[in-house]
Each structure stands twice: as structure tokens, then as C-alpha cells.
Amino acid sequence: MKIRTTTKPDDLSGDLIVPVTPSMAPLDQNELLGTLTGGHQQRFLKDLDTGKGEVSITYNGNKRIIFLGLGDKPGFGSYYAVFRSFSRKHGKKPGKTISLFLDIPKADHTGLAEAAVNGLITGSYESGILKSGQGNGNGNAFGDPGTRLTVYSAHAGEKGFGNACNHGQVIAETQKRVMELINIPSNRKSPDFMIKWVQESARKYDYQVEVFDLERIRKEGMSALEAVNRGSEHPAVFIVIRYKGKKAGKAANIGLVGKGVLYDTGGLSIKPTSSMQFMKSDMSGAATVMGTMEAAARLKLPVSLMAVIPVTDNLIDSRSVKPGDVFSNDDDLAAQLTAAGSRCGERLWQMPLWEEYLDELGSDVADLRNLGTKPVGGAITAAKFLEQFIGSHPSWAHLDVAGTAFGDTEFGKQKNATGFGIRLLLTFIEDVVNKRAKHAY
């Protein structure tokens, strides 16, 4: 989809989308809305429902005018959800030429523009990627490369407004790619598939990728990764991604780690049937990190990023690792991540990392046990396990996205990828760049 911005109402063409809120009432006395509807629909405007997600359609000649209620609770997350849902349910109604009229009093104009663009494009995602005759975005105007969207606002002439629209578009397009990557069945998603995905992205958007094969993994002493990989027919790989913006300097250096277990049966500690069917999503952390690196490169962020992604299956085989085999500590960082999540609508909640939880990882025969023995506190003990490998690093955080990156969505009748995490990580990274957050060394 091609997007342009304008401050001139005369530039608006095609079907028109007009977001409205209760603060704009009485709508039948709003001169601007009266002009948009041709000046003859006061009764329609008086009865217009501005509730969250409400859609009302009228016509001015041959032009379809779609009023979209935003409700009375402003904020990026709320706006994004409304536009995404609208795109999902009504994206096939508009033609290939669409205008978006953003004139909400006292709104955060750049935030509203980004949320609108991000939601409209993300909502065009189609989960049936392997169905006959169906492609991603098929039939939805907001997922069509040929669609032209004109965004009007009295603030469109400001530099930040155009940047917000571009920001929303880049993140949405990346979210859709990541959602598709997570939703692809595991029999089509091998380590080589992951390598191809990230290498093609790196060539297109100018960042670097290095791949460790199984021999290099052994040489580097990554015995835990090698052990998990024993049951798989595909050798594990370890992907290293580097991006450095042209104006990064030396200050902003951030590292990301993404878990890339392509299918997790639980190994010999096999998972129950109720959760086994969703285990193709156990690589959602890796997909989120890969998407974040791609989006950062597309946006040309002035930051230095490094990501590492271990990629393997965890399957059952005679060689599978056996149970019993031997083989954020920073409140400021947690607060910064939580604040970033609140602003962008992808919220976090800090969990405790008390030393008492470390007792759960004790072993009689080894330094550490990577095995949960109780059906409670699993996310906390997992973080405590990771903490043992941080060394003296002053600032780190573990984001457990298992339940948020893959779940019940409007994109299908069964659980699907949500796109969660990319906007959160990019918001935090940009906070570091803009010095709203301390650097993570």
C-alpha cells in the first residue's frame, strides 16, 4: 500500500474513512462533518454511534463515507485495536483509492496516525497462507500493494506526522511477515528455512548475518543446544545478526536473544495433547527478534544491535537428551521496558527474581538443573536459569512471550500468531536512541 499525507481536504479521493469520538459531539452541528457528508445528513450525524469499533456508512454522491467509532478511551493500544479490527472485518469494502480523515480534537496526532496505519495494514493479514488460491492480504484493500491511501490531518505538514505513518507501515508489514513465519507448519520450517528468511531480509535491508553450523556450535562449547538437537533430523544452527545504523556512534548498543525451537515436543518429558498442537510457535521469540532487526534496518535507526538465535527442534528419538543428563536483575531496565510497553499497547508485568526460586534449579550431580519440578512459577524459574549465564552483565531482562505471541485472535478460529513484541522492542530501542531510557551495554 502506498501512503501519502496532506493538509488539503481537496486532496481526498475515493472512499473516505472518518474516525469519530464522543468528544466531537454534537456531530450534527460539526461543520466539517457536515461538509464531508454533503451537508444534507444532519439526522444521520445526530444518530451516529461513536462507540469503540462502531461502523456507520453513508454516501456523498458516489463516494462511500465510513465513520469509525474510536470510543472514549484514547491511547495507542486502543486506537490500534479499533483500526485492526475494522480492517479485518471491513477491509474488502473500500476500493483501491482510500482517504483517511484524522481530525480528532486534543488527540496525539502522530500517535493516532501511526496507530491507524499500523492497525489497518496488520488487520489485512490472512492466516490461510496454505489454502488453495489464497495469498496474504488477498481481497483486503489495506494489504494490496496497489492501494493508495491518503491521510489527511491539519498536522500532516509536520515532520513527525509523515514519519509516524511510515513507522506504522514498516512495523505492520514486518509484523505480518513475522506472523506468517510463526504460523507456518513445522514440517515446512527447518533451520535452513530460517536461515533463508533472515539472509534474504539482510540482503534487502542491508544488515549482516553469520550462521554457525553444528561443527561450529560444538567448537564454541554450546553443548546444551547440541543436546536438545540430538532428536532432530535437522542439524541445529546458531544465527548471529548485526545491524549498525550510520549515526549509531558508540553509546547505544543493545543485544537481543530469540529462542528458536521450531517444534517443541518436550522431548522425553513429552508435552500434553492440549498444548502439543501449538508447539510450532515455540520459535516465536526468534521470529520476534528477527522481525525487530529487519524493522530497525528498514527504519534506519541510529543504534547498534546484535541478535543471537539458537535454532533447533526438540523431538523424541533414541538419541534425545534425557531428564537428569548433565550437560530483570535491573529494576530500571524493567521499568523502561514496562513504560515502552504501556505507550505502544504491548504491556508487560515485572515478575520477581528472588533467590528462593534458585533452589528449584539445584542438582545433586551438576551445577545446575534445567528442569522444572513443580507446575507453578515456571516463567520465573526459567528466568532464574537464564540468569546463571548472564555473568557480570549489569543490565538484562527476559521477556516471556509464549502466551502473548501466539493465542486467540481475530485472524482465525484456532490459535494464531499475534505479532506481539516487535512494536515493544522497537519502542524500547527508540527510547534508548532518544535517551528516554538508559543504554543497555
Protein backbone atom coordinates (compact mmCIF):
# COMPACT_ATOMS: atom_id res chain seq x y z
CA MET A 1 0.00 0.00 0.00
CA LYS A 2 1.28 3.45 -0.95
CA ILE A 3 0.69 6.20 1.61
CA ARG A 4 0.85 9.97 1.29
CA THR A 5 -0.11 12.71 3.74
CA THR A 6 -1.85 16.02 3.10
CA THR A 7 -3.20 19.11 4.85
CA LYS A 8 -5.62 19.84 1.98
CA PRO A 9 -9.14 18.39 2.14
CA ASP A 10 -9.37 18.77 -1.64
CA ASP A 11 -6.71 16.04 -1.99
CA LEU A 12 -9.08 13.44 -0.56
CA SER A 13 -10.40 10.97 -3.10
CA GLY A 14 -12.05 7.57 -3.19
CA ASP A 15 -13.75 6.02 -0.19
CA LEU A 16 -13.34 8.10 2.96
CA ILE A 17 -12.75 6.74 6.48
CA VAL A 18 -13.60 9.20 9.26
CA PRO A 19 -12.72 8.21 12.86
CA VAL A 20 -15.01 9.87 15.43
CA THR A 21 -15.08 10.10 19.22
CA PRO A 22 -17.68 11.25 21.77
CA SER A 23 -15.62 14.43 22.27
CA MET A 24 -16.68 15.55 18.78
CA ALA A 25 -20.39 15.67 19.74
CA PRO A 26 -22.85 17.08 18.84
CA LEU A 27 -21.89 15.63 15.48
CA ASP A 28 -24.86 17.10 13.64
CA GLN A 29 -23.50 20.57 14.45
CA ASN A 30 -19.96 19.77 13.33
CA GLU A 31 -19.46 21.91 10.23
CA LEU A 32 -16.58 19.82 8.95
CA LEU A 33 -18.51 16.54 9.14
CA GLY A 34 -21.46 18.25 7.50
CA THR A 35 -19.28 19.24 4.57
CA LEU A 36 -17.88 15.71 4.23
CA THR A 37 -21.36 14.22 4.05
CA GLY A 38 -22.64 16.76 1.53
CA GLY A 39 -24.47 18.98 4.02
CA HIS A 40 -27.74 17.06 3.93
CA GLN A 41 -27.34 14.37 6.60
CA GLN A 42 -27.78 16.08 9.96
CA ARG A 43 -30.10 13.32 11.18
CA PHE A 44 -27.56 10.66 10.22
CA LEU A 45 -24.80 12.54 12.06
CA LYS A 46 -27.01 13.09 15.10
CA ASP A 47 -27.64 9.35 15.40
CA LEU A 48 -24.03 8.37 14.68
CA ASP A 49 -22.59 5.89 17.20
CA THR A 50 -19.07 6.87 18.30
CA GLY A 51 -18.59 3.80 20.49
CA LYS A 52 -15.39 1.82 20.16
CA GLY A 53 -15.36 -0.16 16.92
CA GLU A 54 -18.79 1.01 15.72
CA VAL A 55 -19.01 1.38 11.93
CA SER A 56 -21.58 3.57 10.13
CA ILE A 57 -21.67 4.03 6.36
CA THR A 58 -23.28 6.76 4.26
CA TYR A 59 -22.74 8.21 0.79
CA ASN A 60 -21.99 11.60 -0.69
CA GLY A 61 -22.75 11.05 -4.33
CA ASN A 62 -20.73 8.03 -5.41
CA LYS A 63 -18.28 8.40 -2.53
CA ARG A 64 -18.64 5.95 0.35
CA ILE A 65 -18.05 7.58 3.75
CA ILE A 66 -17.24 5.19 6.57
CA PHE A 67 -17.46 6.56 10.11
CA LEU A 68 -15.42 4.56 12.62
CA GLY A 69 -16.04 4.99 16.34
CA LEU A 70 -12.89 5.16 18.47
CA GLY A 71 -14.69 5.21 21.82
CA ASP A 72 -13.91 7.42 24.79
CA LYS A 73 -10.60 5.90 25.93
CA PRO A 74 -7.75 7.40 23.89
CA GLY A 75 -4.38 5.71 23.60
CA PHE A 76 -2.20 3.95 21.06
CA GLY A 77 -3.25 0.43 22.04
CA SER A 78 -6.95 1.26 21.90
CA TYR A 79 -6.69 3.08 18.56
CA TYR A 80 -4.59 0.29 17.06
CA ALA A 81 -7.10 -2.37 18.11
CA VAL A 82 -10.01 -0.46 16.54
CA PHE A 83 -8.28 0.06 13.19
CA ARG A 84 -7.00 -3.51 13.06
CA SER A 85 -10.45 -4.92 13.77
CA PHE A 86 -12.01 -2.60 11.19
CA SER A 87 -9.51 -3.72 8.56
CA ARG A 88 -10.10 -7.34 9.39
CA LYS A 89 -13.91 -7.09 9.19
CA HIS A 90 -14.42 -4.41 6.55
CA GLY A 91 -11.15 -4.27 4.57
CA LYS A 92 -12.76 -5.69 1.45
CA LYS A 93 -15.34 -2.88 1.22
CA PRO A 94 -13.16 0.08 0.19
CA GLY A 95 -11.73 0.38 -3.31
CA LYS A 96 -8.07 0.79 -4.23
CA THR A 97 -8.20 4.56 -3.61
CA ILE A 98 -8.89 5.40 0.04
CA SER A 99 -8.67 8.52 2.19
CA LEU A 100 -8.32 8.67 5.96
CA PHE A 101 -9.54 11.85 7.67
CA LEU A 102 -7.81 12.32 11.03
CA ASP A 103 -9.24 15.32 12.83
CA ILE A 104 -9.74 14.30 16.46
CA PRO A 105 -9.65 17.26 18.91
CA LYS A 106 -6.87 17.12 21.52
CA ALA A 107 -5.58 13.81 20.18
CA ASP A 108 -1.93 12.80 19.96
CA HIS A 109 -1.90 13.34 16.21
CA THR A 110 1.30 11.44 15.43
CA GLY A 111 0.34 8.57 17.72
CA LEU A 112 -3.13 8.37 16.17
CA ALA A 113 -1.66 8.37 12.64
CA GLU A 114 0.80 5.59 13.46
CA ALA A 115 -1.83 3.50 15.23
CA ALA A 116 -4.25 3.91 12.31
CA VAL A 117 -1.76 2.93 9.62
CA ASN A 118 -0.33 0.09 11.72
CA GLY A 119 -3.76 -1.29 12.54
CA LEU A 120 -5.17 -1.05 9.02
CA ILE A 121 -2.22 -2.92 7.49
CA THR A 122 -1.87 -5.53 10.25
CA GLY A 123 -5.59 -6.25 10.03
CA SER A 124 -5.16 -7.31 6.41
CA TYR A 125 -3.19 -10.40 7.45
CA GLU A 126 -4.66 -13.70 6.26
CA SER A 127 -3.77 -16.82 8.24
CA GLY A 128 -4.81 -19.24 5.49
CA ILE A 129 -1.48 -18.97 3.72
CA LEU A 130 -1.53 -22.58 2.51
CA LYS A 131 -5.15 -22.63 1.33
CA SER A 132 -5.66 -23.04 -2.40
CA GLY A 133 -5.93 -19.72 -4.19
CA GLN A 134 -5.40 -17.59 -1.09
CA GLY A 135 -2.46 -15.28 -0.55
CA ASN A 136 -1.56 -12.98 2.33
CA GLY A 137 -3.87 -9.96 2.24
CA ASN A 138 -5.99 -11.45 -0.56
CA GLY A 139 -9.06 -9.26 -1.10
CA ASN A 140 -8.24 -6.76 1.66
CA ALA A 141 -7.53 -3.30 0.28
CA PHE A 142 -5.10 -2.48 3.09
CA GLY A 143 -2.93 -5.48 2.21
CA ASP A 144 -2.83 -4.72 -1.51
CA PRO A 145 0.40 -3.13 -2.84
CA GLY A 146 -1.68 -1.27 -5.44
CA THR A 147 -3.88 0.54 -2.91
CA ARG A 148 -3.31 4.28 -2.47
CA LEU A 149 -4.08 5.73 0.96
CA THR A 150 -4.19 9.50 1.52
CA VAL A 151 -4.02 10.55 5.17
CA TYR A 152 -5.41 13.99 5.96
CA SER A 153 -4.63 15.99 9.07
CA ALA A 154 -4.14 19.66 9.84
CA HIS A 155 -0.83 18.46 11.32
CA ALA A 156 0.26 16.45 8.27
CA GLY A 157 2.78 19.13 7.32
CA GLU A 158 4.78 18.46 10.45
CA LYS A 159 7.82 16.20 10.01
CA GLY A 160 6.79 13.87 12.78
CA PHE A 161 3.44 13.11 11.17
CA GLY A 162 4.87 11.64 7.97
CA ASN A 163 7.45 9.73 9.99
CA ALA A 164 4.67 8.28 12.16
CA CYS A 165 2.80 6.99 9.10
CA ASN A 166 5.99 5.42 7.74
CA HIS A 167 6.80 3.97 11.15
CA GLY A 168 3.37 2.40 11.39
CA GLN A 169 3.62 0.95 7.89
CA VAL A 170 7.08 -0.57 8.36
CA ILE A 171 6.20 -2.18 11.68
CA ALA A 172 2.89 -3.52 10.36
CA GLU A 173 4.47 -5.04 7.26
CA THR A 174 7.13 -6.63 9.44
CA GLN A 175 4.53 -7.90 11.91
CA LYS A 176 2.67 -9.61 9.06
CA ARG A 177 5.85 -11.32 7.88
CA VAL A 178 6.62 -12.50 11.41
CA MET A 179 3.06 -13.71 11.97
CA GLU A 180 3.30 -15.75 8.79
CA LEU A 181 6.68 -17.14 9.87
CA ILE A 182 5.26 -18.31 13.20
CA ASN A 183 2.10 -19.75 11.65
CA ILE A 184 3.92 -21.84 9.03
CA PRO A 185 3.69 -25.56 9.96
CA SER A 186 6.85 -27.06 11.41
CA ASN A 187 7.29 -29.55 8.56
CA ARG A 188 7.93 -26.55 6.30
CA LYS A 189 10.05 -24.66 8.83
CA SER A 190 13.54 -26.14 9.10
CA PRO A 191 16.74 -24.41 10.26
CA ASP A 192 17.57 -23.87 6.57
CA PHE A 193 14.20 -22.14 6.13
CA MET A 194 15.01 -19.76 8.99
CA ILE A 195 18.46 -19.06 7.54
CA LYS A 196 16.99 -18.28 4.12
CA TRP A 197 14.40 -15.92 5.66
CA VAL A 198 16.94 -13.84 7.56
CA GLN A 199 19.58 -13.84 4.82
CA GLU A 200 17.11 -12.60 2.20
CA SER A 201 15.97 -9.89 4.60
CA ALA A 202 19.58 -8.88 5.36
CA ARG A 203 20.43 -8.55 1.67
CA LYS A 204 17.35 -6.44 1.05
CA TYR A 205 17.71 -4.11 4.03
CA ASP A 206 21.49 -4.00 4.44
CA TYR A 207 22.46 -5.74 7.67
CA GLN A 208 24.77 -8.67 8.44
CA VAL A 209 24.08 -12.34 9.19
CA GLU A 210 26.50 -15.05 10.31
CA VAL A 211 25.48 -18.69 10.72
CA PHE A 212 27.23 -21.24 12.97
CA ASP A 213 26.75 -24.81 11.77
CA LEU A 214 26.73 -27.81 14.12
CA GLU A 215 30.51 -28.19 13.95
CA ARG A 216 30.99 -24.54 14.95
CA ILE A 217 28.36 -24.95 17.69
CA ARG A 218 30.41 -27.82 19.16
CA LYS A 219 33.62 -25.82 18.82
CA GLU A 220 32.08 -22.90 20.72
CA GLY A 221 31.02 -25.24 23.53
CA MET A 222 27.26 -24.82 23.07
CA SER A 223 26.60 -28.29 24.43
CA ALA A 224 23.06 -27.55 25.66
CA LEU A 225 21.96 -26.56 22.14
CA GLU A 226 23.65 -29.64 20.72
CA ALA A 227 21.95 -31.84 23.32
CA VAL A 228 18.45 -30.56 22.55
CA ASN A 229 19.15 -31.09 18.84
CA ARG A 230 20.01 -34.79 19.21
CA GLY A 231 16.48 -35.97 18.47
CA SER A 232 16.11 -33.92 15.28
CA GLU A 233 16.86 -34.93 11.70
CA HIS A 234 17.94 -31.33 11.00
CA PRO A 235 21.27 -30.11 12.46
CA ALA A 236 20.99 -27.12 14.77
CA VAL A 237 22.26 -23.72 13.70
CA PHE A 238 23.16 -20.60 15.66
CA ILE A 239 22.30 -17.36 13.85
CA VAL A 240 24.11 -14.11 14.65
CA ILE A 241 22.60 -10.88 13.28
CA ARG A 242 24.29 -7.47 13.37
CA TYR A 243 22.90 -4.08 12.47
CA LYS A 244 24.65 -0.75 12.94
CA GLY A 245 22.96 2.48 11.94
CA LYS A 246 25.05 5.13 10.23
CA LYS A 247 24.71 7.53 13.16
CA ALA A 248 24.88 4.95 15.93
CA GLY A 249 28.12 6.14 17.47
CA LYS A 250 29.37 4.23 20.49
CA ALA A 251 26.62 4.87 23.01
CA ALA A 252 23.63 2.76 22.06
CA ASN A 253 24.47 -0.96 22.00
CA ILE A 254 21.66 -3.43 22.57
CA GLY A 255 21.68 -7.22 22.43
CA LEU A 256 18.67 -9.43 21.70
CA VAL A 257 18.30 -13.19 22.11
CA GLY A 258 15.47 -15.14 20.48
CA LYS A 259 14.52 -18.72 21.32
CA GLY A 260 14.26 -20.67 18.06
CA VAL A 261 12.86 -24.09 18.98
CA LEU A 262 10.99 -24.84 15.76
CA TYR A 263 8.86 -27.55 17.34
CA ASP A 264 8.95 -28.45 20.99
CA THR A 265 7.50 -31.85 21.86
CA GLY A 266 9.03 -31.53 25.31
CA GLY A 267 11.49 -34.26 24.35
CA LEU A 268 11.21 -37.36 26.52
CA SER A 269 9.28 -35.20 29.01
CA ILE A 270 6.54 -35.11 26.41
CA LYS A 271 4.01 -32.30 26.47
CA PRO A 272 0.28 -32.96 26.98
CA THR A 273 -2.05 -33.14 23.98
CA SER A 274 -3.73 -29.86 24.91
CA SER A 275 -0.55 -27.87 24.27
CA MET A 276 1.37 -30.11 21.83
CA GLN A 277 -0.63 -28.89 18.81
CA PHE A 278 0.58 -25.32 19.34
CA MET A 279 4.29 -26.06 19.70
CA LYS A 280 5.16 -24.80 16.23
CA SER A 281 5.02 -21.41 17.99
CA ASP A 282 7.95 -22.15 20.31
CA MET A 283 10.12 -20.20 17.88
CA SER A 284 8.06 -17.03 18.32
CA GLY A 285 10.87 -15.43 20.33
CA ALA A 286 13.26 -15.99 17.43
CA ALA A 287 10.73 -14.67 14.92
CA THR A 288 10.11 -11.56 17.03
CA VAL A 289 13.83 -10.82 17.25
CA MET A 290 14.30 -11.42 13.50
CA GLY A 291 11.42 -9.05 12.78
CA THR A 292 12.79 -6.43 15.15
CA MET A 293 16.17 -6.50 13.40
CA GLU A 294 14.50 -6.18 9.99
CA ALA A 295 12.29 -3.28 11.08
CA ALA A 296 15.21 -1.46 12.74
CA ALA A 297 17.18 -1.71 9.49
CA ARG A 298 14.21 -0.56 7.39
CA LEU A 299 13.72 2.43 9.69
CA LYS A 300 17.49 3.11 9.64
CA LEU A 301 17.56 3.57 13.41
CA PRO A 302 20.81 5.14 14.70
CA VAL A 303 21.66 2.26 17.02
CA SER A 304 23.95 -0.77 17.21
CA LEU A 305 22.06 -4.05 17.55
CA MET A 306 23.25 -7.62 17.85
CA ALA A 307 20.93 -10.61 17.97
CA VAL A 308 21.68 -14.28 18.56
CA ILE A 309 19.20 -17.04 17.76
CA PRO A 310 19.73 -20.75 18.52
CA VAL A 311 17.62 -22.80 16.10
CA THR A 312 16.67 -26.46 16.58
CA ASP A 313 13.79 -28.88 17.07
CA ASN A 314 13.18 -30.64 20.38
CA LEU A 315 11.92 -34.04 19.26
CA ILE A 316 11.74 -37.62 20.51
CA ASP A 317 14.39 -40.06 19.32
CA SER A 318 16.65 -42.75 20.72
CA ARG A 319 19.34 -40.06 20.92
CA SER A 320 17.15 -37.45 22.66
CA VAL A 321 18.53 -35.75 25.72
CA LYS A 322 17.16 -37.40 28.86
CA PRO A 323 15.92 -35.71 32.04
CA GLY A 324 18.79 -35.99 34.50
CA ASP A 325 21.57 -35.82 31.90
CA VAL A 326 24.35 -33.42 32.89
CA PHE A 327 25.15 -31.02 30.40
CA SER A 328 15.42 -8.38 35.03
CA ASN A 329 18.05 -8.15 37.88
CA ASP A 330 17.76 -4.46 36.81
CA ASP A 331 14.69 -2.58 38.09
CA ASP A 332 15.49 0.46 35.92
CA LEU A 333 15.56 -1.66 32.75
CA ALA A 334 12.33 -3.40 33.79
CA ALA A 335 10.68 -0.03 34.34
CA GLN A 336 11.88 1.24 30.96
CA LEU A 337 10.55 -1.83 29.17
CA THR A 338 7.26 -1.60 31.06
CA ALA A 339 6.91 2.08 30.15
CA ALA A 340 7.64 1.34 26.48
CA GLY A 341 5.03 -1.41 26.51
CA SER A 342 2.39 0.84 28.04
CA ARG A 343 2.92 3.53 25.40
CA CYS A 344 2.79 1.18 22.42
CA GLY A 345 -0.03 -1.04 23.67
CA GLU A 346 2.10 -4.17 24.29
CA ARG A 347 2.12 -4.23 28.07
CA LEU A 348 4.49 -6.09 30.38
CA TRP A 349 4.39 -7.00 34.05
CA GLN A 350 7.56 -7.46 36.08
CA MET A 351 7.85 -10.80 37.90
CA PRO A 352 10.12 -11.39 40.91
CA LEU A 353 13.57 -12.94 40.55
CA TRP A 354 14.05 -13.75 44.21
CA GLU A 355 16.92 -16.03 45.16
CA GLU A 356 14.47 -18.51 46.73
CA TYR A 357 13.48 -19.60 43.22
CA LEU A 358 17.07 -20.63 42.51
CA ASP A 359 16.60 -23.58 44.87
CA GLU A 360 14.32 -25.14 42.24
CA LEU A 361 17.31 -25.43 39.90
CA GLY A 362 19.62 -27.22 42.33
CA SER A 363 21.13 -30.57 41.32
CA ASP A 364 22.89 -33.34 43.24
CA VAL A 365 25.16 -34.20 40.30
CA ALA A 366 25.66 -30.96 38.37
CA ASP A 367 25.99 -27.22 38.91
CA LEU A 368 22.51 -26.55 37.59
CA ARG A 369 19.35 -28.37 36.58
CA ASN A 370 17.34 -27.19 33.56
CA LEU A 371 14.21 -28.99 34.67
CA GLY A 372 11.04 -27.71 36.28
CA THR A 373 9.79 -29.95 39.09
CA LYS A 374 6.65 -28.03 40.06
CA PRO A 375 3.65 -26.94 37.96
CA VAL A 376 3.92 -23.36 39.26
CA GLY A 377 6.34 -20.46 38.79
CA GLY A 378 7.68 -21.86 35.53
CA ALA A 379 8.34 -18.48 33.90
CA ILE A 380 10.24 -17.32 36.98
CA THR A 381 12.43 -20.41 37.29
CA ALA A 382 13.12 -20.23 33.54
CA ALA A 383 14.36 -16.67 34.02
CA LYS A 384 16.47 -17.73 37.04
CA PHE A 385 18.03 -20.42 34.86
CA LEU A 386 18.94 -17.85 32.20
CA GLU A 387 20.27 -15.52 34.89
CA GLN A 388 23.02 -18.01 35.71
CA PHE A 389 24.55 -17.41 32.27
CA ILE A 390 24.45 -13.61 32.32
CA GLY A 391 27.73 -13.36 34.19
CA SER A 392 28.50 -9.87 35.44
CA HIS A 393 26.40 -8.12 32.80
CA PRO A 394 24.84 -5.10 34.52
CA SER A 395 21.51 -4.98 32.72
CA TRP A 396 19.32 -7.70 31.23
CA ALA A 397 15.68 -8.77 31.01
CA HIS A 398 13.84 -11.94 29.99
CA LEU A 399 10.52 -11.38 28.18
CA ASP A 400 8.34 -14.48 28.34
CA VAL A 401 6.13 -14.06 25.26
CA ALA A 402 4.84 -17.63 24.98
CA GLY A 403 1.28 -16.65 25.85
CA THR A 404 1.19 -13.31 24.04
CA ALA A 405 2.95 -14.03 20.74
CA PHE A 406 0.59 -16.91 19.91
CA GLY A 407 -3.01 -17.10 21.06
CA ASP A 408 -6.67 -16.50 20.30
CA THR A 409 -7.00 -13.75 17.68
CA GLU A 410 -9.50 -12.42 15.16
CA PHE A 411 -7.38 -13.88 12.36
CA GLY A 412 -8.76 -17.41 12.64
CA LYS A 413 -10.85 -19.93 14.56
CA GLN A 414 -7.79 -21.52 16.16
CA LYS A 415 -4.76 -20.03 17.87
CA ASN A 416 -2.57 -17.85 15.63
CA ALA A 417 0.46 -15.59 15.79
CA THR A 418 -0.34 -12.12 17.14
CA GLY A 419 2.70 -10.06 16.11
CA PHE A 420 3.31 -9.17 19.77
CA GLY A 421 6.75 -7.94 20.77
CA ILE A 422 8.11 -6.20 17.67
CA ARG A 423 6.50 -2.84 18.42
CA LEU A 424 7.51 -3.20 22.08
CA LEU A 425 11.18 -3.86 21.33
CA LEU A 426 11.36 -1.10 18.71
CA THR A 427 9.74 1.37 21.12
CA PHE A 428 12.32 0.49 23.77
CA ILE A 429 15.19 0.71 21.26
CA GLU A 430 14.00 4.13 20.11
CA ASP A 431 13.73 5.21 23.75
CA VAL A 432 17.40 4.32 24.13
CA VAL A 433 18.25 6.25 20.96
CA ASN A 434 16.26 9.27 22.15
CA LYS A 435 17.78 8.96 25.65
CA ARG A 436 14.43 8.30 27.34
CA ALA A 437 15.98 5.07 28.62
CA LYS A 438 19.47 4.14 29.78
CA HIS A 439 21.69 2.29 27.36
CA ALA A 440 21.92 -1.49 27.65
CA TYR A 441 25.60 -2.24 27.33
